[in-house]
Amino acid sequence: MTWHYNDGRVRVFETTNRVLKNYLLCNGMKTGYTEAAGHCLVSSAAHNGREVIAVVLGDNKNIWIDSYRLLAWGLSS
């Protein structure tokens, strides 16, 4: 995303979220971490009138891959 300030400055923001960056159907998400729950990711995607939400809880390092796979599976067929 490119942000244009009123004073003429321009700043480019780039997401570090791998699902949002690489899966074009992804339209939102929220990451989180607690010691009790571990790494968590709630993500959503939409295609051809179908909307899905994927919730990955207690994952160690695969929240991005697991979330992508769930979203893609949910939107398939």
PDB file of N, CA and C in Angstrom:
ATOM      1  N   MET A   1       0.850  -1.165   0.000  1.00  0.00           N
ATOM      2  CA  MET A   1       0.000   0.000   0.000  1.00  0.00           C
ATOM      3  C   MET A   1       0.897   1.229   0.000  1.00  0.00           C
ATOM      4  N   THR A   2       0.537   2.180  -0.784  1.00  0.00           N
ATOM      5  CA  THR A   2       1.280   3.435  -0.829  1.00  0.00           C
ATOM      6  C   THR A   2       0.461   4.516  -0.146  1.00  0.00           C
ATOM      7  N   TRP A   3       1.069   5.203   0.806  1.00  0.00           N
ATOM      8  CA  TRP A   3       0.403   6.262   1.561  1.00  0.00           C
ATOM      9  C   TRP A   3       1.014   7.589   1.162  1.00  0.00           C
ATOM     10  N   HIS A   4       0.158   8.538   0.766  1.00  0.00           N
ATOM     11  CA  HIS A   4       0.608   9.874   0.377  1.00  0.00           C
ATOM     12  C   HIS A   4       0.225  10.853   1.482  1.00  0.00           C
ATOM     13  N   TYR A   5       1.223  11.491   2.073  1.00  0.00           N
ATOM     14  CA  TYR A   5       0.989  12.504   3.104  1.00  0.00           C
ATOM     15  C   TYR A   5       0.614  13.826   2.451  1.00  0.00           C
ATOM     16  N   ASN A   6      -0.054  14.682   3.200  1.00  0.00           N
ATOM     17  CA  ASN A   6      -0.437  16.001   2.691  1.00  0.00           C
ATOM     18  C   ASN A   6       0.763  16.869   2.352  1.00  0.00           C
ATOM     19  N   ASP A   7       1.896  16.634   3.020  1.00  0.00           N
ATOM     20  CA  ASP A   7       3.084  17.453   2.762  1.00  0.00           C
ATOM     21  C   ASP A   7       3.917  16.932   1.586  1.00  0.00           C
ATOM     22  N   GLY A   8       3.410  15.921   0.863  1.00  0.00           N
ATOM     23  CA  GLY A   8       4.104  15.411  -0.312  1.00  0.00           C
ATOM     24  C   GLY A   8       4.934  14.155  -0.083  1.00  0.00           C
ATOM     25  N   ARG A   9       5.174  13.832   1.168  1.00  0.00           N
ATOM     26  CA  ARG A   9       5.936  12.607   1.442  1.00  0.00           C
ATOM     27  C   ARG A   9       5.119  11.387   1.028  1.00  0.00           C
ATOM     28  N   VAL A  10       5.828  10.340   0.660  1.00  0.00           N
ATOM     29  CA  VAL A  10       5.186   9.083   0.267  1.00  0.00           C
ATOM     30  C   VAL A  10       5.841   7.962   1.063  1.00  0.00           C
ATOM     31  N   ARG A  11       5.007   7.060   1.567  1.00  0.00           N
ATOM     32  CA  ARG A  11       5.526   5.914   2.309  1.00  0.00           C
ATOM     33  C   ARG A  11       4.844   4.650   1.786  1.00  0.00           C
ATOM     34  N   VAL A  12       5.637   3.615   1.560  1.00  0.00           N
ATOM     35  CA  VAL A  12       5.117   2.348   1.071  1.00  0.00           C
ATOM     36  C   VAL A  12       5.085   1.360   2.236  1.00  0.00           C
ATOM     37  N   PHE A  13       3.917   0.766   2.461  1.00  0.00           N
ATOM     38  CA  PHE A  13       3.743  -0.248   3.495  1.00  0.00           C
ATOM     39  C   PHE A  13       3.612  -1.604   2.809  1.00  0.00           C
ATOM     40  N   GLU A  14       4.336  -2.579   3.315  1.00  0.00           N
ATOM     41  CA  GLU A  14       4.254  -3.929   2.769  1.00  0.00           C
ATOM     42  C   GLU A  14       3.990  -4.900   3.901  1.00  0.00           C
ATOM     43  N   THR A  15       3.035  -5.769   3.706  1.00  0.00           N
ATOM     44  CA  THR A  15       2.694  -6.723   4.741  1.00  0.00           C
ATOM     45  C   THR A  15       3.775  -7.788   4.883  1.00  0.00           C
ATOM     46  N   THR A  16       3.983  -8.244   6.092  1.00  0.00           N
ATOM     47  CA  THR A  16       4.885  -9.359   6.332  1.00  0.00           C
ATOM     48  C   THR A  16       4.084 -10.642   6.527  1.00  0.00           C
ATOM     49  N   ASN A  17       2.770 -10.534   6.428  1.00  0.00           N
ATOM     50  CA  ASN A  17       1.893 -11.680   6.603  1.00  0.00           C
ATOM     51  C   ASN A  17       1.892 -12.496   5.319  1.00  0.00           C
ATOM     52  N   ARG A  18       2.413 -13.703   5.380  1.00  0.00           N
ATOM     53  CA  ARG A  18       2.611 -14.517   4.179  1.00  0.00           C
ATOM     54  C   ARG A  18       1.312 -14.927   3.487  1.00  0.00           C
ATOM     55  N   VAL A  19       0.260 -15.164   4.231  1.00  0.00           N
ATOM     56  CA  VAL A  19      -1.004 -15.564   3.602  1.00  0.00           C
ATOM     57  C   VAL A  19      -1.619 -14.365   2.883  1.00  0.00           C
ATOM     58  N   LEU A  20      -1.686 -13.247   3.550  1.00  0.00           N
ATOM     59  CA  LEU A  20      -2.267 -12.038   2.955  1.00  0.00           C
ATOM     60  C   LEU A  20      -1.467 -11.599   1.729  1.00  0.00           C
ATOM     61  N   LYS A  21      -0.166 -11.761   1.782  1.00  0.00           N
ATOM     62  CA  LYS A  21       0.703 -11.329   0.693  1.00  0.00           C
ATOM     63  C   LYS A  21       0.647 -12.269  -0.512  1.00  0.00           C
ATOM     64  N   ASN A  22       0.539 -13.572  -0.275  1.00  0.00           N
ATOM     65  CA  ASN A  22       0.674 -14.543  -1.353  1.00  0.00           C
ATOM     66  C   ASN A  22      -0.621 -15.214  -1.805  1.00  0.00           C
ATOM     67  N   TYR A  23      -1.686 -15.086  -1.047  1.00  0.00           N
ATOM     68  CA  TYR A  23      -2.957 -15.712  -1.428  1.00  0.00           C
ATOM     69  C   TYR A  23      -3.948 -14.603  -1.724  1.00  0.00           C
ATOM     70  N   LEU A  24      -4.139 -14.317  -2.992  1.00  0.00           N
ATOM     71  CA  LEU A  24      -4.914 -13.146  -3.405  1.00  0.00           C
ATOM     72  C   LEU A  24      -6.371 -13.181  -2.967  1.00  0.00           C
ATOM     73  N   LEU A  25      -6.908 -14.359  -2.660  1.00  0.00           N
ATOM     74  CA  LEU A  25      -8.295 -14.450  -2.220  1.00  0.00           C
ATOM     75  C   LEU A  25      -8.462 -14.104  -0.741  1.00  0.00           C
ATOM     76  N   CYS A  26      -7.368 -14.059  -0.016  1.00  0.00           N
ATOM     77  CA  CYS A  26      -7.408 -13.722   1.417  1.00  0.00           C
ATOM     78  C   CYS A  26      -7.803 -12.257   1.561  1.00  0.00           C
ATOM     79  N   ASN A  27      -8.792 -11.995   2.423  1.00  0.00           N
ATOM     80  CA  ASN A  27      -9.271 -10.619   2.576  1.00  0.00           C
ATOM     81  C   ASN A  27      -9.213 -10.100   4.009  1.00  0.00           C
ATOM     82  N   GLY A  28      -8.638 -10.876   4.917  1.00  0.00           N
ATOM     83  CA  GLY A  28      -8.492 -10.370   6.272  1.00  0.00           C
ATOM     84  C   GLY A  28      -7.914 -11.405   7.209  1.00  0.00           C
ATOM     85  N   MET A  29      -7.356 -10.931   8.307  1.00  0.00           N
ATOM     86  CA  MET A  29      -6.815 -11.846   9.303  1.00  0.00           C
ATOM     87  C   MET A  29      -6.349 -11.123  10.555  1.00  0.00           C
ATOM     88  N   LYS A  30      -6.138 -11.937  11.585  1.00  0.00           N
ATOM     89  CA  LYS A  30      -5.625 -11.445  12.856  1.00  0.00           C
ATOM     90  C   LYS A  30      -4.699 -12.507  13.431  1.00  0.00           C
ATOM     91  N   THR A  31      -3.494 -12.105  13.767  1.00  0.00           N
ATOM     92  CA  THR A  31      -2.539 -13.018  14.389  1.00  0.00           C
ATOM     93  C   THR A  31      -2.534 -12.797  15.892  1.00  0.00           C
ATOM     94  N   GLY A  32      -2.022 -13.777  16.622  1.00  0.00           N
ATOM     95  CA  GLY A  32      -1.915 -13.626  18.060  1.00  0.00           C
ATOM     96  C   GLY A  32      -1.007 -14.679  18.655  1.00  0.00           C
ATOM     97  N   TYR A  33      -0.598 -14.449  19.891  1.00  0.00           N
ATOM     98  CA  TYR A  33       0.224 -15.406  20.615  1.00  0.00           C
ATOM     99  C   TYR A  33       0.014 -15.226  22.113  1.00  0.00           C
ATOM    100  N   THR A  34      -0.189 -16.315  22.787  1.00  0.00           N
ATOM    101  CA  THR A  34      -0.117 -16.353  24.238  1.00  0.00           C
ATOM    102  C   THR A  34       0.580 -17.653  24.601  1.00  0.00           C
ATOM    103  N   GLU A  35       1.131 -17.729  25.781  1.00  0.00           N
ATOM    104  CA  GLU A  35       1.785 -18.971  26.199  1.00  0.00           C
ATOM    105  C   GLU A  35       0.782 -20.114  26.245  1.00  0.00           C
ATOM    106  N   ALA A  36      -0.434 -19.824  26.667  1.00  0.00           N
ATOM    107  CA  ALA A  36      -1.439 -20.879  26.780  1.00  0.00           C
ATOM    108  C   ALA A  36      -1.910 -21.369  25.409  1.00  0.00           C
ATOM    109  N   ALA A  37      -2.103 -20.468  24.461  1.00  0.00           N
ATOM    110  CA  ALA A  37      -2.656 -20.841  23.156  1.00  0.00           C
ATOM    111  C   ALA A  37      -1.600 -21.063  22.085  1.00  0.00           C
ATOM    112  N   GLY A  38      -0.401 -20.580  22.296  1.00  0.00           N
ATOM    113  CA  GLY A  38       0.630 -20.669  21.267  1.00  0.00           C
ATOM    114  C   GLY A  38       0.373 -19.665  20.153  1.00  0.00           C
ATOM    115  N   HIS A  39       0.942 -19.929  18.994  1.00  0.00           N
ATOM    116  CA  HIS A  39       0.745 -19.052  17.835  1.00  0.00           C
ATOM    117  C   HIS A  39      -0.624 -19.324  17.231  1.00  0.00           C
ATOM    118  N   CYS A  40      -1.353 -18.257  16.954  1.00  0.00           N
ATOM    119  CA  CYS A  40      -2.720 -18.384  16.442  1.00  0.00           C
ATOM    120  C   CYS A  40      -2.910 -17.464  15.240  1.00  0.00           C
ATOM    121  N   LEU A  41      -3.809 -17.873  14.344  1.00  0.00           N
ATOM    122  CA  LEU A  41      -4.121 -17.063  13.180  1.00  0.00           C
ATOM    123  C   LEU A  41      -5.564 -17.311  12.775  1.00  0.00           C
ATOM    124  N   VAL A  42      -6.333 -16.234  12.692  1.00  0.00           N
ATOM    125  CA  VAL A  42      -7.694 -16.293  12.174  1.00  0.00           C
ATOM    126  C   VAL A  42      -7.649 -15.549  10.847  1.00  0.00           C
ATOM    127  N   SER A  43      -8.070 -16.222   9.767  1.00  0.00           N
ATOM    128  CA  SER A  43      -7.998 -15.603   8.450  1.00  0.00           C
ATOM    129  C   SER A  43      -9.286 -15.856   7.682  1.00  0.00           C
ATOM    130  N   SER A  44      -9.518 -15.028   6.668  1.00  0.00           N
ATOM    131  CA  SER A  44     -10.728 -15.181   5.862  1.00  0.00           C
ATOM    132  C   SER A  44     -10.382 -14.995   4.392  1.00  0.00           C
ATOM    133  N   ALA A  45     -11.240 -15.567   3.549  1.00  0.00           N
ATOM    134  CA  ALA A  45     -11.067 -15.451   2.102  1.00  0.00           C
ATOM    135  C   ALA A  45     -12.443 -15.567   1.448  1.00  0.00           C
ATOM    136  N   ALA A  46     -12.541 -15.075   0.228  1.00  0.00           N
ATOM    137  CA  ALA A  46     -13.803 -15.138  -0.513  1.00  0.00           C
ATOM    138  C   ALA A  46     -13.521 -15.356  -1.990  1.00  0.00           C
ATOM    139  N   HIS A  47     -14.439 -16.132  -2.631  1.00  0.00           N
ATOM    140  CA  HIS A  47     -14.326 -16.371  -4.068  1.00  0.00           C
ATOM    141  C   HIS A  47     -15.651 -16.912  -4.582  1.00  0.00           C
ATOM    142  N   ASN A  48     -16.116 -16.366  -5.691  1.00  0.00           N
ATOM    143  CA  ASN A  48     -17.359 -16.812  -6.335  1.00  0.00           C
ATOM    144  C   ASN A  48     -18.540 -16.882  -5.371  1.00  0.00           C
ATOM    145  N   GLY A  49     -18.676 -15.879  -4.528  1.00  0.00           N
ATOM    146  CA  GLY A  49     -19.802 -15.815  -3.608  1.00  0.00           C
ATOM    147  C   GLY A  49     -19.659 -16.661  -2.350  1.00  0.00           C
ATOM    148  N   ARG A  50     -18.580 -17.383  -2.211  1.00  0.00           N
ATOM    149  CA  ARG A  50     -18.338 -18.201  -1.020  1.00  0.00           C
ATOM    150  C   ARG A  50     -17.335 -17.494  -0.125  1.00  0.00           C
ATOM    151  N   GLU A  51     -17.651 -17.421   1.153  1.00  0.00           N
ATOM    152  CA  GLU A  51     -16.748 -16.813   2.138  1.00  0.00           C
ATOM    153  C   GLU A  51     -16.412 -17.853   3.188  1.00  0.00           C
ATOM    154  N   VAL A  52     -15.130 -17.937   3.555  1.00  0.00           N
ATOM    155  CA  VAL A  52     -14.700 -18.901   4.565  1.00  0.00           C
ATOM    156  C   VAL A  52     -13.809 -18.215   5.596  1.00  0.00           C
ATOM    157  N   ILE A  53     -13.802 -18.784   6.782  1.00  0.00           N
ATOM    158  CA  ILE A  53     -12.936 -18.327   7.866  1.00  0.00           C
ATOM    159  C   ILE A  53     -12.158 -19.533   8.362  1.00  0.00           C
ATOM    160  N   ALA A  54     -10.849 -19.378   8.508  1.00  0.00           N
ATOM    161  CA  ALA A  54     -10.000 -20.447   9.030  1.00  0.00           C
ATOM    162  C   ALA A  54      -9.435 -20.000  10.375  1.00  0.00           C
ATOM    163  N   VAL A  55      -9.459 -20.895  11.343  1.00  0.00           N
ATOM    164  CA  VAL A  55      -8.925 -20.605  12.667  1.00  0.00           C
ATOM    165  C   VAL A  55      -7.865 -21.651  12.986  1.00  0.00           C
ATOM    166  N   VAL A  56      -6.636 -21.186  13.197  1.00  0.00           N
ATOM    167  CA  VAL A  56      -5.528 -22.078  13.532  1.00  0.00           C
ATOM    168  C   VAL A  56      -5.040 -21.682  14.924  1.00  0.00           C
ATOM    169  N   LEU A  57      -5.157 -22.609  15.869  1.00  0.00           N
ATOM    170  CA  LEU A  57      -4.774 -22.347  17.255  1.00  0.00           C
ATOM    171  C   LEU A  57      -3.682 -23.313  17.692  1.00  0.00           C
ATOM    172  N   GLY A  58      -2.795 -22.856  18.556  1.00  0.00           N
ATOM    173  CA  GLY A  58      -1.794 -23.716  19.165  1.00  0.00           C
ATOM    174  C   GLY A  58      -0.761 -24.250  18.199  1.00  0.00           C
ATOM    175  N   ASP A  59      -0.546 -23.564  17.108  1.00  0.00           N
ATOM    176  CA  ASP A  59       0.403 -24.005  16.109  1.00  0.00           C
ATOM    177  C   ASP A  59       1.793 -23.508  16.496  1.00  0.00           C
ATOM    178  N   ASN A  60       2.806 -24.255  16.143  1.00  0.00           N
ATOM    179  CA  ASN A  60       4.151 -23.815  16.497  1.00  0.00           C
ATOM    180  C   ASN A  60       4.772 -22.931  15.424  1.00  0.00           C
ATOM    181  N   LYS A  61       4.900 -23.414  14.197  1.00  0.00           N
ATOM    182  CA  LYS A  61       5.544 -22.601  13.168  1.00  0.00           C
ATOM    183  C   LYS A  61       4.811 -22.618  11.840  1.00  0.00           C
ATOM    184  N   ASN A  62       3.712 -23.344  11.730  1.00  0.00           N
ATOM    185  CA  ASN A  62       3.066 -23.534  10.441  1.00  0.00           C
ATOM    186  C   ASN A  62       1.746 -22.785  10.296  1.00  0.00           C
ATOM    187  N   ILE A  63       1.528 -21.730  11.071  1.00  0.00           N
ATOM    188  CA  ILE A  63       0.234 -21.046  10.982  1.00  0.00           C
ATOM    189  C   ILE A  63      -0.040 -20.532   9.574  1.00  0.00           C
ATOM    190  N   TRP A  64       0.978 -20.101   8.862  1.00  0.00           N
ATOM    191  CA  TRP A  64       0.798 -19.551   7.513  1.00  0.00           C
ATOM    192  C   TRP A  64       0.385 -20.651   6.544  1.00  0.00           C
ATOM    193  N   ILE A  65       1.108 -21.757   6.557  1.00  0.00           N
ATOM    194  CA  ILE A  65       0.816 -22.865   5.647  1.00  0.00           C
ATOM    195  C   ILE A  65      -0.532 -23.496   5.992  1.00  0.00           C
ATOM    196  N   ASP A  66      -0.763 -23.743   7.276  1.00  0.00           N
ATOM    197  CA  ASP A  66      -2.022 -24.358   7.698  1.00  0.00           C
ATOM    198  C   ASP A  66      -3.215 -23.482   7.345  1.00  0.00           C
ATOM    199  N   SER A  67      -3.090 -22.183   7.557  1.00  0.00           N
ATOM    200  CA  SER A  67      -4.175 -21.263   7.242  1.00  0.00           C
ATOM    201  C   SER A  67      -4.448 -21.239   5.737  1.00  0.00           C
ATOM    202  N   TYR A  68      -3.394 -21.151   4.946  1.00  0.00           N
ATOM    203  CA  TYR A  68      -3.558 -21.167   3.491  1.00  0.00           C
ATOM    204  C   TYR A  68      -4.270 -22.441   3.047  1.00  0.00           C
ATOM    205  N   ARG A  69      -3.835 -23.584   3.547  1.00  0.00           N
ATOM    206  CA  ARG A  69      -4.441 -24.860   3.149  1.00  0.00           C
ATOM    207  C   ARG A  69      -5.917 -24.935   3.537  1.00  0.00           C
ATOM    208  N   LEU A  70      -6.241 -24.441   4.716  1.00  0.00           N
ATOM    209  CA  LEU A  70      -7.652 -24.447   5.137  1.00  0.00           C
ATOM    210  C   LEU A  70      -8.500 -23.526   4.267  1.00  0.00           C
ATOM    211  N   LEU A  71      -7.989 -22.338   3.974  1.00  0.00           N
ATOM    212  CA  LEU A  71      -8.730 -21.407   3.129  1.00  0.00           C
ATOM    213  C   LEU A  71      -8.925 -21.983   1.727  1.00  0.00           C
ATOM    214  N   ALA A  72      -7.856 -22.517   1.153  1.00  0.00           N
ATOM    215  CA  ALA A  72      -7.941 -23.077  -0.195  1.00  0.00           C
ATOM    216  C   ALA A  72      -8.905 -24.261  -0.232  1.00  0.00           C
ATOM    217  N   TRP A  73      -8.855 -25.113   0.783  1.00  0.00           N
ATOM    218  CA  TRP A  73      -9.768 -26.251   0.859  1.00  0.00           C
ATOM    219  C   TRP A  73     -11.213 -25.765   0.974  1.00  0.00           C
ATOM    220  N   GLY A  74     -11.438 -24.764   1.822  1.00  0.00           N
ATOM    221  CA  GLY A  74     -12.783 -24.243   2.027  1.00  0.00           C
ATOM    222  C   GLY A  74     -13.385 -23.605   0.781  1.00  0.00           C
ATOM    223  N   LEU A  75     -12.533 -23.058  -0.080  1.00  0.00           N
ATOM    224  CA  LEU A  75     -13.017 -22.399  -1.292  1.00  0.00           C
ATOM    225  C   LEU A  75     -13.015 -23.328  -2.507  1.00  0.00           C
ATOM    226  N   SER A  76     -12.477 -24.523  -2.353  1.00  0.00           N
ATOM    227  CA  SER A  76     -12.453 -25.459  -3.491  1.00  0.00           C
ATOM    228  C   SER A  76     -13.842 -26.054  -3.702  1.00  0.00           C
ATOM    229  N   SER A  77     -14.078 -26.534  -4.862  1.00  0.00           N
ATOM    230  CA  SER A  77     -15.320 -27.184  -5.319  1.00  0.00           C
ATOM    231  C   SER A  77     -16.447 -26.249  -5.624  1.00  0.00           C
TER     232      SER A  77
END
